[in-house]
Amino acid sequence: MSDFKEDNQQEPNQLSIELSEEVADGEYSNLAIISHSNSEFIMDFVKIMPGVPKARVKSRVVMTPQNTKRLVNALNENIRKFEHINGPIKEANDPGSKGFPINFGGTKAEA
């Protein structure tokens, strides 16, 4: 049984959310840069590639602090559920590094 209802069968106070084909494809990101002010959080999602010294922000999301906290709680809950089913998510542990390995390791590509 589907959780979705036709527009004419929508219950009162139920939000109808549309997802266009373009947005449904999503954007891949392997780096998030997060900053904030007293009234908003700004999350820039970036895709960096090995051997490419320049990267572009693929998506920017701006949220209120309250909605950002709701997002964090929802992510934590979903991570808990995921790990319950699939086991712990392994984090990249590089004892000498405090940052993201920008070069990804390995060899550099040549043409």
Protein backbone atom coordinates (compact mmCIF):
# COMPACT_ATOMS: atom_id res chain seq x y z
CA MET A 1 0.00 0.00 0.00
CA SER A 2 1.32 3.44 -0.89
CA ASP A 3 1.75 6.29 1.58
CA PHE A 4 0.96 8.75 -1.21
CA LYS A 5 -2.56 9.88 -2.07
CA GLU A 6 -3.94 11.47 -5.17
CA ASP A 7 -4.34 15.25 -4.81
CA ASN A 8 -8.13 14.94 -4.63
CA GLN A 9 -7.86 12.34 -1.82
CA GLN A 10 -5.52 14.38 0.38
CA GLU A 11 -6.34 14.49 4.08
CA PRO A 12 -6.74 17.91 5.79
CA ASN A 13 -3.47 19.45 7.01
CA GLN A 14 -1.39 17.04 4.86
CA LEU A 15 1.42 18.64 2.87
CA SER A 16 1.74 17.75 -0.80
CA ILE A 17 5.40 17.73 -1.90
CA GLU A 18 6.39 17.56 -5.55
CA LEU A 19 9.75 16.22 -6.75
CA SER A 20 10.72 17.19 -10.28
CA GLU A 21 12.69 14.73 -12.43
CA GLU A 22 15.59 17.18 -12.52
CA VAL A 23 15.83 17.40 -8.73
CA ALA A 24 15.12 13.68 -8.26
CA ASP A 25 18.46 12.85 -9.92
CA GLY A 26 20.19 14.47 -6.94
CA GLU A 27 23.71 15.84 -6.63
CA TYR A 28 26.64 13.80 -5.37
CA SER A 29 28.73 15.45 -2.67
CA ASN A 30 31.80 14.23 -0.80
CA LEU A 31 32.47 17.44 1.12
CA ALA A 32 30.19 19.75 3.08
CA ILE A 33 31.25 23.19 4.25
CA ILE A 34 29.04 24.54 7.01
CA SER A 35 28.94 28.09 8.33
CA HIS A 36 26.41 30.03 10.35
CA SER A 37 25.23 33.43 11.52
CA ASN A 38 22.93 34.21 14.42
CA SER A 39 19.90 33.60 12.17
CA GLU A 40 20.86 30.87 9.68
CA PHE A 41 23.06 27.92 8.84
CA ILE A 42 24.59 27.72 5.37
CA MET A 43 25.58 24.29 4.05
CA ASP A 44 27.57 24.13 0.83
CA PHE A 45 27.82 20.68 -0.74
CA VAL A 46 30.87 20.13 -2.93
CA LYS A 47 32.09 17.32 -5.18
CA ILE A 48 35.87 17.11 -5.28
CA MET A 49 37.70 14.82 -7.68
CA PRO A 50 41.15 13.24 -7.42
CA GLY A 51 43.89 15.23 -9.12
CA VAL A 52 41.62 18.20 -9.80
CA PRO A 53 42.78 21.24 -7.82
CA LYS A 54 39.50 23.14 -8.19
CA ALA A 55 36.02 22.17 -7.01
CA ARG A 56 32.64 23.83 -7.37
CA VAL A 57 29.76 24.04 -4.89
CA LYS A 58 27.06 21.78 -6.35
CA SER A 59 24.30 22.82 -3.96
CA ARG A 60 23.75 25.34 -1.17
CA VAL A 61 21.13 24.89 1.53
CA VAL A 62 20.25 27.73 3.93
CA MET A 63 18.20 26.87 7.03
CA THR A 64 17.10 28.47 10.29
CA PRO A 65 18.88 27.22 13.43
CA GLN A 66 15.68 25.46 14.54
CA ASN A 67 15.27 23.61 11.24
CA THR A 68 18.98 22.77 11.18
CA LYS A 69 18.64 21.16 14.61
CA ARG A 70 15.62 19.19 13.34
CA LEU A 71 17.72 18.04 10.38
CA VAL A 72 20.56 16.93 12.67
CA ASN A 73 18.11 14.98 14.84
CA ALA A 74 16.54 13.34 11.77
CA LEU A 75 19.98 12.42 10.40
CA ASN A 76 21.03 10.94 13.76
CA GLU A 77 17.84 8.87 13.90
CA ASN A 78 18.33 7.62 10.35
CA ILE A 79 21.99 6.77 11.02
CA ARG A 80 20.90 4.83 14.11
CA LYS A 81 18.36 2.87 12.04
CA PHE A 82 20.87 2.27 9.23
CA GLU A 83 23.52 0.97 11.64
CA HIS A 84 20.96 -1.24 13.39
CA ILE A 85 20.31 -2.98 10.06
CA ASN A 86 23.73 -2.73 8.37
CA GLY A 87 26.23 -2.48 11.23
CA PRO A 88 28.41 0.47 12.23
CA ILE A 89 29.43 2.98 9.58
CA LYS A 90 33.22 3.00 9.43
CA GLU A 91 34.76 6.44 9.57
CA ALA A 92 38.02 7.28 7.83
CA ASN A 93 40.60 7.26 10.60
CA ASP A 94 43.90 8.90 9.77
CA PRO A 95 45.59 9.44 13.16
CA GLY A 96 47.87 12.21 11.86
CA SER A 97 45.23 14.07 9.92
CA LYS A 98 42.66 16.52 11.24
CA GLY A 99 41.15 17.36 7.88
CA PHE A 100 39.67 15.87 4.76
CA PRO A 101 42.20 14.11 2.48
CA ILE A 102 41.85 16.46 -0.49
CA ASN A 103 44.18 14.43 -2.73
CA PHE A 104 42.32 11.13 -2.02
CA GLY A 105 45.70 9.35 -1.96
CA GLY A 106 46.82 7.18 -4.84
CA THR A 107 48.37 8.34 -8.09
CA LYS A 108 47.57 11.47 -10.02
CA ALA A 109 45.82 11.06 -13.35
CA GLU A 110 47.75 11.89 -16.48
CA ALA A 111 46.55 12.40 -20.04
